């Protein structure tokens, strides 16, 4: 994915907004189902991007390829089952990004005949890839990402989490090296 040009930024913007909004909404919804109404009381249990987008994080993502959303506030002490709640809330955002990517592929393949433009194809392709990227990035076991919380739900020792986080950094560096290569080989919106 190339960053920088106005055209590229405009075709990426829907994917970024969708990925951030649905990811954070999923955290809020599952936290609510597990007994924590903090996000709901703060008006964050919504897909409205205004509730989730951090303006600086969005600009950084568009210009530099790395950014962030406003994290949904979660009070783990309110969960009826704390360990299960932490695990499910952490998994919810990632699962939502994967679901959005799958639904976007289906929607694209059902609608591309009605919108036969390169712009539509690029927007849909970006929605898929950005959601997959959000899911993969958030699965890294590096605090404060969701992956670290998924691991913490199963391990009591902070030392084990630190060791896994250091290993995760090496995995991330390896994944970054292969990302562009994989993107060039396979396009989700390839109709052939």
N, C-alpha and C. Protein backbone atom coordinates (compact mmCIF):
# COMPACT_ATOMS: atom_id res chain seq x y z
N UNK A 1 0.84 -1.16 0.00
CA UNK A 1 0.00 0.00 0.00
C UNK A 1 0.89 1.23 0.00
N UNK A 2 0.65 2.12 -0.97
CA UNK A 2 1.44 3.34 -1.05
C UNK A 2 0.75 4.45 -0.28
N UNK A 3 1.53 5.22 0.44
CA UNK A 3 1.00 6.34 1.18
C UNK A 3 1.55 7.62 0.59
N UNK A 4 0.80 8.69 0.69
CA UNK A 4 1.34 9.98 0.31
C UNK A 4 0.50 10.77 -0.66
N UNK A 5 0.11 10.19 -1.81
CA UNK A 5 -0.64 10.94 -2.80
C UNK A 5 -2.07 11.20 -2.35
N UNK A 6 -2.60 12.32 -2.82
CA UNK A 6 -3.97 12.70 -2.47
C UNK A 6 -4.95 11.61 -2.93
N UNK A 7 -4.77 11.12 -4.15
CA UNK A 7 -5.66 10.09 -4.69
C UNK A 7 -5.63 8.84 -3.81
N UNK A 8 -4.45 8.40 -3.45
CA UNK A 8 -4.31 7.22 -2.59
C UNK A 8 -4.95 7.45 -1.23
N UNK A 9 -4.75 8.65 -0.68
CA UNK A 9 -5.33 8.96 0.64
C UNK A 9 -6.86 8.94 0.57
N UNK A 10 -7.42 9.50 -0.48
CA UNK A 10 -8.88 9.53 -0.61
C UNK A 10 -9.47 8.13 -0.78
N UNK A 11 -8.75 7.25 -1.49
CA UNK A 11 -9.27 5.89 -1.65
C UNK A 11 -9.05 5.04 -0.40
N UNK A 12 -8.13 5.46 0.47
CA UNK A 12 -7.90 4.73 1.71
C UNK A 12 -8.80 5.20 2.85
N UNK A 13 -9.25 6.44 2.79
CA UNK A 13 -10.01 7.03 3.88
C UNK A 13 -11.24 6.22 4.29
N UNK A 14 -12.08 5.75 3.35
CA UNK A 14 -13.23 4.94 3.79
C UNK A 14 -12.80 3.68 4.55
N UNK A 15 -11.77 3.02 4.09
CA UNK A 15 -11.28 1.80 4.76
C UNK A 15 -10.77 2.08 6.16
N UNK A 16 -10.05 3.17 6.32
CA UNK A 16 -9.51 3.53 7.63
C UNK A 16 -10.64 3.86 8.60
N UNK A 17 -11.58 4.67 8.14
CA UNK A 17 -12.70 5.07 9.00
C UNK A 17 -13.54 3.86 9.39
N UNK A 18 -13.82 2.99 8.42
CA UNK A 18 -14.61 1.79 8.70
C UNK A 18 -13.86 0.88 9.66
N UNK A 19 -12.57 0.64 9.41
CA UNK A 19 -11.80 -0.26 10.26
C UNK A 19 -11.73 0.24 11.70
N UNK A 20 -11.44 1.51 11.89
CA UNK A 20 -11.34 2.07 13.24
C UNK A 20 -12.69 2.04 13.95
N UNK A 21 -13.73 2.50 13.26
CA UNK A 21 -15.05 2.60 13.89
C UNK A 21 -15.61 1.25 14.30
N UNK A 22 -15.55 0.28 13.40
CA UNK A 22 -16.11 -1.04 13.71
C UNK A 22 -15.26 -1.77 14.74
N UNK A 23 -13.95 -1.60 14.69
CA UNK A 23 -13.05 -2.23 15.67
C UNK A 23 -13.38 -1.75 17.09
N UNK A 24 -13.46 -0.44 17.26
CA UNK A 24 -13.73 0.11 18.59
C UNK A 24 -15.16 -0.19 19.04
N UNK A 25 -16.12 -0.14 18.11
CA UNK A 25 -17.50 -0.49 18.44
C UNK A 25 -17.58 -1.92 18.97
N UNK A 26 -16.85 -2.83 18.35
CA UNK A 26 -16.88 -4.23 18.78
C UNK A 26 -16.35 -4.37 20.21
N UNK A 27 -15.29 -3.65 20.53
CA UNK A 27 -14.79 -3.68 21.92
C UNK A 27 -15.88 -3.21 22.89
N UNK A 28 -16.53 -2.10 22.54
CA UNK A 28 -17.55 -1.54 23.43
C UNK A 28 -18.74 -2.48 23.58
N UNK A 29 -19.18 -3.08 22.48
CA UNK A 29 -20.34 -3.97 22.52
C UNK A 29 -20.08 -5.20 23.38
N UNK A 30 -18.93 -5.83 23.19
CA UNK A 30 -18.63 -7.04 23.96
C UNK A 30 -18.38 -6.69 25.43
N UNK A 31 -17.74 -5.56 25.70
CA UNK A 31 -17.56 -5.13 27.09
C UNK A 31 -18.92 -4.96 27.76
N UNK A 32 -19.85 -4.37 27.04
CA UNK A 32 -21.20 -4.19 27.58
C UNK A 32 -21.87 -5.54 27.86
N UNK A 33 -21.70 -6.48 26.92
CA UNK A 33 -22.29 -7.81 27.10
C UNK A 33 -21.64 -8.57 28.26
N UNK A 34 -20.40 -8.21 28.59
CA UNK A 34 -19.70 -8.87 29.69
C UNK A 34 -19.92 -8.16 31.03
N UNK A 35 -20.70 -7.07 31.02
CA UNK A 35 -21.05 -6.41 32.28
C UNK A 35 -20.50 -5.02 32.48
N UNK A 36 -19.69 -4.51 31.55
CA UNK A 36 -19.11 -3.18 31.71
C UNK A 36 -19.84 -2.18 30.80
N UNK A 37 -20.51 -1.23 31.41
CA UNK A 37 -21.26 -0.24 30.63
C UNK A 37 -20.51 1.09 30.49
N UNK A 38 -19.22 1.12 30.78
CA UNK A 38 -18.43 2.35 30.73
C UNK A 38 -18.50 3.00 29.34
N UNK A 39 -18.21 2.25 28.30
CA UNK A 39 -18.22 2.80 26.94
C UNK A 39 -19.62 3.24 26.54
N UNK A 40 -20.61 2.49 26.94
CA UNK A 40 -22.00 2.84 26.62
C UNK A 40 -22.39 4.16 27.27
N UNK A 41 -22.02 4.33 28.53
CA UNK A 41 -22.34 5.57 29.25
C UNK A 41 -21.63 6.77 28.65
N UNK A 42 -20.47 6.54 28.01
CA UNK A 42 -19.69 7.63 27.42
C UNK A 42 -20.04 7.85 25.94
N UNK A 43 -21.06 7.16 25.45
CA UNK A 43 -21.48 7.33 24.06
C UNK A 43 -20.56 6.71 23.04
N UNK A 44 -19.78 5.70 23.45
CA UNK A 44 -18.80 5.08 22.56
C UNK A 44 -19.28 3.75 21.98
N UNK A 45 -20.47 3.30 22.35
CA UNK A 45 -20.99 2.05 21.80
C UNK A 45 -21.78 2.38 20.53
N UNK A 46 -21.03 2.81 19.51
CA UNK A 46 -21.60 3.26 18.25
C UNK A 46 -20.58 3.03 17.14
N UNK A 47 -21.07 2.96 15.89
CA UNK A 47 -20.14 2.90 14.77
C UNK A 47 -19.87 4.30 14.21
N UNK A 48 -20.42 5.31 14.84
CA UNK A 48 -20.20 6.69 14.41
C UNK A 48 -18.70 7.01 14.51
N UNK A 49 -18.05 7.30 13.39
CA UNK A 49 -16.60 7.54 13.42
C UNK A 49 -16.18 8.70 14.30
N UNK A 50 -17.05 9.68 14.48
CA UNK A 50 -16.71 10.84 15.30
C UNK A 50 -16.39 10.41 16.73
N UNK A 51 -17.02 9.36 17.20
CA UNK A 51 -16.78 8.87 18.56
C UNK A 51 -15.45 8.14 18.70
N UNK A 52 -14.89 7.66 17.60
CA UNK A 52 -13.72 6.79 17.68
C UNK A 52 -12.44 7.34 17.03
N UNK A 53 -12.59 8.25 16.10
CA UNK A 53 -11.42 8.73 15.37
C UNK A 53 -10.65 9.75 16.18
N UNK A 54 -9.36 9.52 16.32
CA UNK A 54 -8.46 10.50 16.91
C UNK A 54 -7.89 11.30 15.73
N UNK A 55 -8.13 12.60 15.67
CA UNK A 55 -7.70 13.38 14.50
C UNK A 55 -6.21 13.27 14.20
N UNK A 56 -5.38 13.32 15.21
CA UNK A 56 -3.93 13.21 14.99
C UNK A 56 -3.59 11.80 14.52
N UNK A 57 -4.19 10.78 15.13
CA UNK A 57 -3.95 9.41 14.71
C UNK A 57 -4.37 9.16 13.28
N UNK A 58 -5.48 9.76 12.86
CA UNK A 58 -5.96 9.61 11.48
C UNK A 58 -5.00 10.26 10.49
N UNK A 59 -4.57 11.49 10.79
CA UNK A 59 -3.63 12.18 9.90
C UNK A 59 -2.32 11.40 9.82
N UNK A 60 -1.84 10.91 10.95
CA UNK A 60 -0.60 10.12 10.94
C UNK A 60 -0.75 8.87 10.09
N UNK A 61 -1.90 8.22 10.18
CA UNK A 61 -2.14 7.00 9.40
C UNK A 61 -2.17 7.32 7.91
N UNK A 62 -2.81 8.41 7.54
CA UNK A 62 -2.89 8.79 6.13
C UNK A 62 -1.53 9.22 5.57
N UNK A 63 -0.78 9.97 6.34
CA UNK A 63 0.50 10.51 5.85
C UNK A 63 1.67 9.57 6.05
N UNK A 64 1.65 8.83 7.15
CA UNK A 64 2.82 8.01 7.46
C UNK A 64 2.60 6.52 7.51
N UNK A 65 1.35 6.08 7.40
CA UNK A 65 1.07 4.65 7.41
C UNK A 65 0.98 4.05 8.80
N UNK A 66 1.06 4.89 9.84
CA UNK A 66 0.93 4.40 11.21
C UNK A 66 0.12 5.41 11.99
N UNK A 67 -0.95 4.94 12.63
CA UNK A 67 -1.80 5.85 13.39
C UNK A 67 -2.62 5.08 14.40
N UNK A 68 -3.66 5.72 14.92
CA UNK A 68 -4.43 5.10 15.99
C UNK A 68 -5.82 5.72 16.06
N UNK A 69 -6.71 5.00 16.73
CA UNK A 69 -8.05 5.50 17.05
C UNK A 69 -8.08 5.81 18.54
N UNK A 70 -9.17 6.41 18.98
CA UNK A 70 -9.36 6.63 20.42
C UNK A 70 -9.79 5.31 21.03
N UNK A 71 -9.01 4.75 21.95
CA UNK A 71 -9.40 3.46 22.54
C UNK A 71 -10.69 3.58 23.34
N UNK A 72 -11.51 2.56 23.24
CA UNK A 72 -12.75 2.51 24.00
C UNK A 72 -12.40 2.26 25.47
N UNK A 73 -12.97 3.05 26.38
CA UNK A 73 -12.69 2.82 27.80
C UNK A 73 -13.37 1.54 28.29
N UNK A 74 -12.60 0.69 28.94
CA UNK A 74 -13.11 -0.56 29.46
C UNK A 74 -12.67 -0.70 30.91
N UNK A 75 -13.60 -1.01 31.79
CA UNK A 75 -13.30 -1.25 33.20
C UNK A 75 -13.46 -2.75 33.46
N UNK A 76 -12.34 -3.45 33.47
CA UNK A 76 -12.36 -4.91 33.62
C UNK A 76 -12.98 -5.35 34.95
N UNK A 77 -12.98 -4.49 35.94
CA UNK A 77 -13.56 -4.83 37.24
C UNK A 77 -15.07 -5.01 37.17
N UNK A 78 -15.69 -4.49 36.13
CA UNK A 78 -17.14 -4.62 35.98
C UNK A 78 -17.56 -5.92 35.29
N UNK A 79 -16.61 -6.66 34.73
CA UNK A 79 -16.96 -7.90 34.03
C UNK A 79 -17.49 -8.93 35.02
N UNK A 80 -18.50 -9.68 34.58
CA UNK A 80 -19.02 -10.74 35.43
C UNK A 80 -18.00 -11.87 35.56
N UNK A 81 -17.27 -12.14 34.50
CA UNK A 81 -16.15 -13.09 34.51
C UNK A 81 -14.95 -12.35 33.94
N UNK A 82 -14.06 -11.93 34.81
CA UNK A 82 -12.97 -11.02 34.41
C UNK A 82 -12.08 -11.60 33.32
N UNK A 83 -11.56 -12.80 33.51
CA UNK A 83 -10.63 -13.40 32.55
C UNK A 83 -11.30 -13.59 31.18
N UNK A 84 -12.51 -14.10 31.20
CA UNK A 84 -13.26 -14.31 29.96
C UNK A 84 -13.58 -12.97 29.32
N UNK A 85 -13.95 -11.99 30.12
CA UNK A 85 -14.26 -10.66 29.60
C UNK A 85 -13.08 -10.01 28.92
N UNK A 86 -11.91 -10.06 29.55
CA UNK A 86 -10.70 -9.48 28.96
C UNK A 86 -10.40 -10.16 27.63
N UNK A 87 -10.49 -11.48 27.60
CA UNK A 87 -10.20 -12.23 26.39
C UNK A 87 -11.18 -11.86 25.27
N UNK A 88 -12.48 -11.90 25.56
CA UNK A 88 -13.49 -11.64 24.52
C UNK A 88 -13.49 -10.20 24.04
N UNK A 89 -13.30 -9.25 24.94
CA UNK A 89 -13.24 -7.84 24.53
C UNK A 89 -12.03 -7.60 23.64
N UNK A 90 -10.90 -8.19 24.00
CA UNK A 90 -9.69 -8.03 23.19
C UNK A 90 -9.85 -8.67 21.82
N UNK A 91 -10.50 -9.81 21.78
CA UNK A 91 -10.70 -10.52 20.52
C UNK A 91 -11.75 -9.85 19.63
N UNK A 92 -12.67 -9.13 20.22
CA UNK A 92 -13.81 -8.56 19.49
C UNK A 92 -13.40 -7.62 18.37
N UNK A 93 -12.47 -6.72 18.63
CA UNK A 93 -12.05 -5.77 17.60
C UNK A 93 -11.41 -6.46 16.41
N UNK A 94 -10.54 -7.41 16.69
CA UNK A 94 -9.86 -8.17 15.64
C UNK A 94 -10.88 -8.98 14.83
N UNK A 95 -11.79 -9.65 15.53
CA UNK A 95 -12.81 -10.45 14.85
C UNK A 95 -13.69 -9.56 13.97
N UNK A 96 -14.02 -8.37 14.45
CA UNK A 96 -14.84 -7.45 13.67
C UNK A 96 -14.10 -7.01 12.41
N UNK A 97 -12.81 -6.72 12.51
CA UNK A 97 -12.05 -6.33 11.33
C UNK A 97 -12.02 -7.45 10.29
N UNK A 98 -11.87 -8.67 10.74
CA UNK A 98 -11.88 -9.81 9.81
C UNK A 98 -13.26 -9.96 9.18
N UNK A 99 -14.31 -9.83 9.97
CA UNK A 99 -15.67 -9.92 9.45
C UNK A 99 -15.94 -8.82 8.42
N UNK A 100 -15.53 -7.60 8.71
CA UNK A 100 -15.72 -6.49 7.76
C UNK A 100 -14.97 -6.77 6.46
N UNK A 101 -13.76 -7.31 6.55
CA UNK A 101 -13.00 -7.64 5.35
C UNK A 101 -13.72 -8.68 4.51
N UNK A 102 -14.22 -9.72 5.14
CA UNK A 102 -14.94 -10.78 4.42
C UNK A 102 -16.21 -10.23 3.78
N UNK A 103 -16.98 -9.47 4.54
CA UNK A 103 -18.21 -8.87 3.99
C UNK A 103 -17.90 -7.92 2.85
N UNK A 104 -16.80 -7.19 2.94
CA UNK A 104 -16.41 -6.27 1.87
C UNK A 104 -16.06 -7.02 0.58
N UNK A 105 -15.41 -8.15 0.71
CA UNK A 105 -15.11 -8.97 -0.47
C UNK A 105 -16.41 -9.43 -1.12
N UNK A 106 -17.33 -9.90 -0.30
CA UNK A 106 -18.62 -10.37 -0.82
C UNK A 106 -19.37 -9.22 -1.49
N UNK A 107 -19.44 -8.08 -0.83
CA UNK A 107 -20.13 -6.92 -1.39
C UNK A 107 -19.49 -6.50 -2.71
N UNK A 108 -18.17 -6.48 -2.75
CA UNK A 108 -17.49 -6.09 -3.99
C UNK A 108 -17.86 -7.04 -5.13
N UNK A 109 -17.78 -8.32 -4.88
CA UNK A 109 -18.05 -9.29 -5.95
C UNK A 109 -19.52 -9.28 -6.39
N UNK A 110 -20.42 -8.83 -5.53
CA UNK A 110 -21.83 -8.72 -5.90
C UNK A 110 -22.15 -7.40 -6.62
N UNK A 111 -21.28 -6.40 -6.45
CA UNK A 111 -21.62 -5.06 -6.96
C UNK A 111 -20.68 -4.50 -8.02
N UNK A 112 -19.52 -5.12 -8.29
CA UNK A 112 -18.56 -4.47 -9.18
C UNK A 112 -19.10 -4.26 -10.59
N UNK A 113 -20.07 -5.07 -11.03
CA UNK A 113 -20.67 -4.89 -12.35
C UNK A 113 -21.45 -3.58 -12.43
N UNK A 114 -21.99 -3.14 -11.29
CA UNK A 114 -22.77 -1.91 -11.24
C UNK A 114 -21.90 -0.67 -11.09
N UNK A 115 -20.68 -0.85 -10.62
CA UNK A 115 -19.75 0.26 -10.41
C UNK A 115 -18.41 -0.09 -11.05
N UNK A 116 -18.38 -0.16 -12.39
CA UNK A 116 -17.16 -0.62 -13.07
C UNK A 116 -16.09 0.47 -13.19
N UNK A 117 -15.60 0.93 -12.07
CA UNK A 117 -14.56 1.96 -12.10
C UNK A 117 -13.36 1.52 -11.29
N UNK A 118 -12.22 2.04 -11.68
CA UNK A 118 -10.98 1.74 -10.96
C UNK A 118 -11.04 2.30 -9.54
N UNK A 119 -11.73 3.41 -9.38
CA UNK A 119 -11.83 4.04 -8.06
C UNK A 119 -12.61 3.15 -7.09
N UNK A 120 -13.73 2.61 -7.57
CA UNK A 120 -14.54 1.73 -6.72
C UNK A 120 -13.73 0.49 -6.33
N UNK A 121 -13.04 -0.07 -7.30
CA UNK A 121 -12.22 -1.25 -7.03
C UNK A 121 -11.14 -0.93 -6.00
N UNK A 122 -10.51 0.22 -6.15
CA UNK A 122 -9.43 0.59 -5.22
C UNK A 122 -9.98 0.83 -3.81
N UNK A 123 -11.13 1.51 -3.70
CA UNK A 123 -11.72 1.75 -2.39
C UNK A 123 -12.06 0.42 -1.71
N UNK A 124 -12.70 -0.48 -2.45
CA UNK A 124 -13.08 -1.77 -1.86
C UNK A 124 -11.84 -2.59 -1.50
N UNK A 125 -10.84 -2.57 -2.38
CA UNK A 125 -9.60 -3.28 -2.10
C UNK A 125 -8.96 -2.74 -0.82
N UNK A 126 -8.97 -1.41 -0.67
CA UNK A 126 -8.39 -0.79 0.53
C UNK A 126 -9.19 -1.12 1.78
N UNK A 127 -10.51 -1.18 1.67
CA UNK A 127 -11.32 -1.55 2.84
C UNK A 127 -10.91 -2.94 3.33
N UNK A 128 -10.74 -3.86 2.38
CA UNK A 128 -10.35 -5.23 2.75
C UNK A 128 -8.96 -5.25 3.37
N UNK A 129 -7.98 -4.69 2.68
CA UNK A 129 -6.60 -4.76 3.15
C UNK A 129 -6.38 -3.98 4.45
N UNK A 130 -7.03 -2.85 4.59
CA UNK A 130 -6.87 -2.08 5.83
C UNK A 130 -7.47 -2.84 7.00
N UNK A 131 -8.62 -3.46 6.82
CA UNK A 131 -9.22 -4.25 7.92
C UNK A 131 -8.36 -5.46 8.26
N UNK A 132 -7.82 -6.13 7.27
CA UNK A 132 -6.93 -7.26 7.53
C UNK A 132 -5.67 -6.78 8.25
N UNK A 133 -5.15 -5.64 7.81
CA UNK A 133 -3.95 -5.07 8.46
C UNK A 133 -4.23 -4.68 9.90
N UNK A 134 -5.39 -4.06 10.16
CA UNK A 134 -5.76 -3.71 11.53
C UNK A 134 -5.84 -4.96 12.40
N UNK A 135 -6.46 -6.01 11.87
CA UNK A 135 -6.59 -7.25 12.64
C UNK A 135 -5.22 -7.82 12.96
N UNK A 136 -4.37 -7.93 11.94
CA UNK A 136 -3.04 -8.51 12.14
C UNK A 136 -2.21 -7.66 13.11
N UNK A 137 -2.25 -6.36 12.94
CA UNK A 137 -1.48 -5.47 13.80
C UNK A 137 -1.94 -5.58 15.25
N UNK A 138 -3.25 -5.59 15.45
CA UNK A 138 -3.78 -5.64 16.81
C UNK A 138 -3.58 -6.99 17.48
N UNK A 139 -3.29 -8.02 16.73
CA UNK A 139 -3.02 -9.34 17.32
C UNK A 139 -1.60 -9.47 17.87
N UNK A 140 -0.76 -8.49 17.56
CA UNK A 140 0.61 -8.57 18.08
C UNK A 140 0.58 -8.48 19.61
N UNK A 141 1.34 -9.35 20.26
CA UNK A 141 1.34 -9.34 21.73
C UNK A 141 2.25 -8.28 22.33
N UNK A 142 2.04 -7.05 21.90
CA UNK A 142 2.81 -5.91 22.39
C UNK A 142 1.83 -4.94 23.06
N UNK A 143 2.00 -4.67 24.36
CA UNK A 143 1.10 -3.74 25.04
C UNK A 143 1.14 -2.37 24.36
N UNK A 144 0.04 -1.70 24.20
CA UNK A 144 -1.32 -1.96 24.69
C UNK A 144 -2.21 -2.66 23.66
N UNK A 145 -1.64 -3.30 22.66
CA UNK A 145 -2.44 -3.93 21.61
C UNK A 145 -3.25 -5.11 22.14
N UNK A 146 -4.28 -5.48 21.40
CA UNK A 146 -5.18 -6.55 21.83
C UNK A 146 -4.47 -7.88 22.04
N UNK A 147 -3.46 -8.16 21.25
CA UNK A 147 -2.74 -9.42 21.38
C UNK A 147 -2.11 -9.60 22.75
N UNK A 148 -1.62 -8.51 23.33
CA UNK A 148 -1.02 -8.61 24.68
C UNK A 148 -2.09 -8.93 25.72
N UNK A 149 -3.29 -8.43 25.52
CA UNK A 149 -4.37 -8.69 26.46
C UNK A 149 -4.90 -10.11 26.31
N UNK A 150 -4.89 -10.61 25.07
CA UNK A 150 -5.30 -12.00 24.84
C UNK A 150 -4.36 -12.95 25.58
N UNK A 151 -3.07 -12.68 25.50
CA UNK A 151 -2.09 -13.52 26.18
C UNK A 151 -2.20 -13.34 27.70
N UNK A 152 -2.38 -12.10 28.14
CA UNK A 152 -2.47 -11.83 29.58
C UNK A 152 -3.65 -12.56 30.21
N UNK A 153 -4.70 -12.79 29.43
CA UNK A 153 -5.87 -13.49 29.97
C UNK A 153 -5.52 -14.93 30.35
N UNK A 154 -4.46 -15.48 29.77
CA UNK A 154 -4.10 -16.87 30.04
C UNK A 154 -2.87 -17.02 30.92
N UNK A 155 -2.02 -15.98 30.99
CA UNK A 155 -0.80 -16.07 31.78
C UNK A 155 -0.85 -15.08 32.93
N UNK A 156 -0.55 -15.54 34.11
CA UNK A 156 -0.54 -14.66 35.28
C UNK A 156 0.78 -13.91 35.40
N UNK A 157 1.85 -14.46 34.86
CA UNK A 157 3.18 -13.89 35.03
C UNK A 157 3.45 -12.77 34.03
N UNK A 158 3.80 -11.60 34.55
CA UNK A 158 4.17 -10.47 33.71
C UNK A 158 5.45 -10.75 32.94
N UNK A 159 6.35 -11.58 33.50
CA UNK A 159 7.61 -11.89 32.85
C UNK A 159 7.36 -12.64 31.54
N UNK A 160 6.43 -13.59 31.54
CA UNK A 160 6.11 -14.34 30.33
C UNK A 160 5.58 -13.40 29.25
N UNK A 161 4.78 -12.43 29.64
CA UNK A 161 4.23 -11.49 28.67
C UNK A 161 5.35 -10.64 28.06
N UNK A 162 6.32 -10.20 28.89
CA UNK A 162 7.43 -9.41 28.36
C UNK A 162 8.26 -10.21 27.37
N UNK A 163 8.52 -11.47 27.66
CA UNK A 163 9.29 -12.33 26.76
C UNK A 163 8.54 -12.50 25.44
N UNK A 164 7.24 -12.75 25.51
CA UNK A 164 6.44 -12.90 24.30
C UNK A 164 6.39 -11.60 23.51
N UNK A 165 6.38 -10.46 24.17
CA UNK A 165 6.36 -9.18 23.49
C UNK A 165 7.65 -8.95 22.71
N UNK A 166 8.78 -9.31 23.29
CA UNK A 166 10.06 -9.17 22.60
C UNK A 166 10.10 -10.06 21.37
N UNK A 167 9.61 -11.29 21.50
CA UNK A 167 9.55 -12.19 20.35
C UNK A 167 8.62 -11.63 19.27
N UNK A 168 7.55 -11.00 19.69
CA UNK A 168 6.58 -10.45 18.74
C UNK A 168 7.20 -9.35 17.88
N UNK A 169 8.11 -8.57 18.45
CA UNK A 169 8.76 -7.51 17.68
C UNK A 169 9.50 -8.11 16.48
N UNK A 170 10.19 -9.22 16.69
CA UNK A 170 10.90 -9.86 15.59
C UNK A 170 9.92 -10.39 14.54
N UNK A 171 8.80 -10.92 14.97
CA UNK A 171 7.79 -11.41 14.03
C UNK A 171 7.23 -10.25 13.21
N UNK A 172 7.00 -9.12 13.85
CA UNK A 172 6.46 -7.94 13.15
C UNK A 172 7.44 -7.47 12.09
N UNK A 173 8.70 -7.38 12.43
CA UNK A 173 9.71 -6.95 11.45
C UNK A 173 9.73 -7.87 10.25
N UNK A 174 9.60 -9.17 10.50
CA UNK A 174 9.56 -10.14 9.41
C UNK A 174 8.30 -9.95 8.56
N UNK A 175 7.17 -9.74 9.21
CA UNK A 175 5.91 -9.54 8.48
C UNK A 175 5.93 -8.28 7.63
N UNK A 176 6.53 -7.21 8.13
CA UNK A 176 6.61 -5.96 7.37
C UNK A 176 7.40 -6.18 6.09
N UNK A 177 8.46 -6.95 6.16
CA UNK A 177 9.29 -7.22 4.99
C UNK A 177 8.51 -7.96 3.91
N UNK A 178 7.55 -8.80 4.28
CA UNK A 178 6.82 -9.62 3.31
C UNK A 178 5.50 -9.01 2.88
N UNK A 179 5.02 -7.97 3.55
CA UNK A 179 3.69 -7.43 3.29
C UNK A 179 3.54 -6.95 1.84
N UNK A 180 4.45 -6.07 1.38
CA UNK A 180 4.34 -5.54 0.02
C UNK A 180 4.47 -6.64 -1.01
N UNK A 181 5.33 -7.61 -0.76
CA UNK A 181 5.51 -8.72 -1.68
C UNK A 181 4.21 -9.50 -1.85
N UNK A 182 3.54 -9.80 -0.74
CA UNK A 182 2.27 -10.54 -0.79
C UNK A 182 1.18 -9.72 -1.46
N UNK A 183 1.16 -8.43 -1.22
CA UNK A 183 0.14 -7.56 -1.80
C UNK A 183 0.27 -7.54 -3.33
N UNK A 184 1.48 -7.56 -3.84
CA UNK A 184 1.68 -7.54 -5.28
C UNK A 184 1.26 -8.86 -5.93
N UNK A 185 1.42 -9.96 -5.23
CA UNK A 185 1.10 -11.27 -5.79
C UNK A 185 -0.41 -11.50 -5.86
N UNK A 186 -1.12 -11.06 -4.84
CA UNK A 186 -2.54 -11.37 -4.76
C UNK A 186 -3.36 -10.13 -4.46
N UNK A 187 -4.35 -9.88 -5.26
CA UNK A 187 -5.28 -8.78 -5.01
C UNK A 187 -6.63 -9.38 -4.70
N UNK A 188 -7.22 -8.99 -3.59
CA UNK A 188 -8.50 -9.54 -3.16
C UNK A 188 -9.59 -9.26 -4.19
N UNK A 189 -9.47 -8.14 -4.89
CA UNK A 189 -10.52 -7.78 -5.83
C UNK A 189 -10.24 -8.29 -7.24
N UNK A 190 -9.28 -9.15 -7.38
CA UNK A 190 -8.97 -9.74 -8.68
C UNK A 190 -10.15 -10.58 -9.15
N UNK A 191 -10.69 -10.25 -10.32
CA UNK A 191 -11.88 -10.92 -10.81
C UNK A 191 -11.56 -12.10 -11.70
N UNK A 192 -10.32 -12.36 -11.98
CA UNK A 192 -9.96 -13.49 -12.87
C UNK A 192 -9.93 -14.79 -12.15
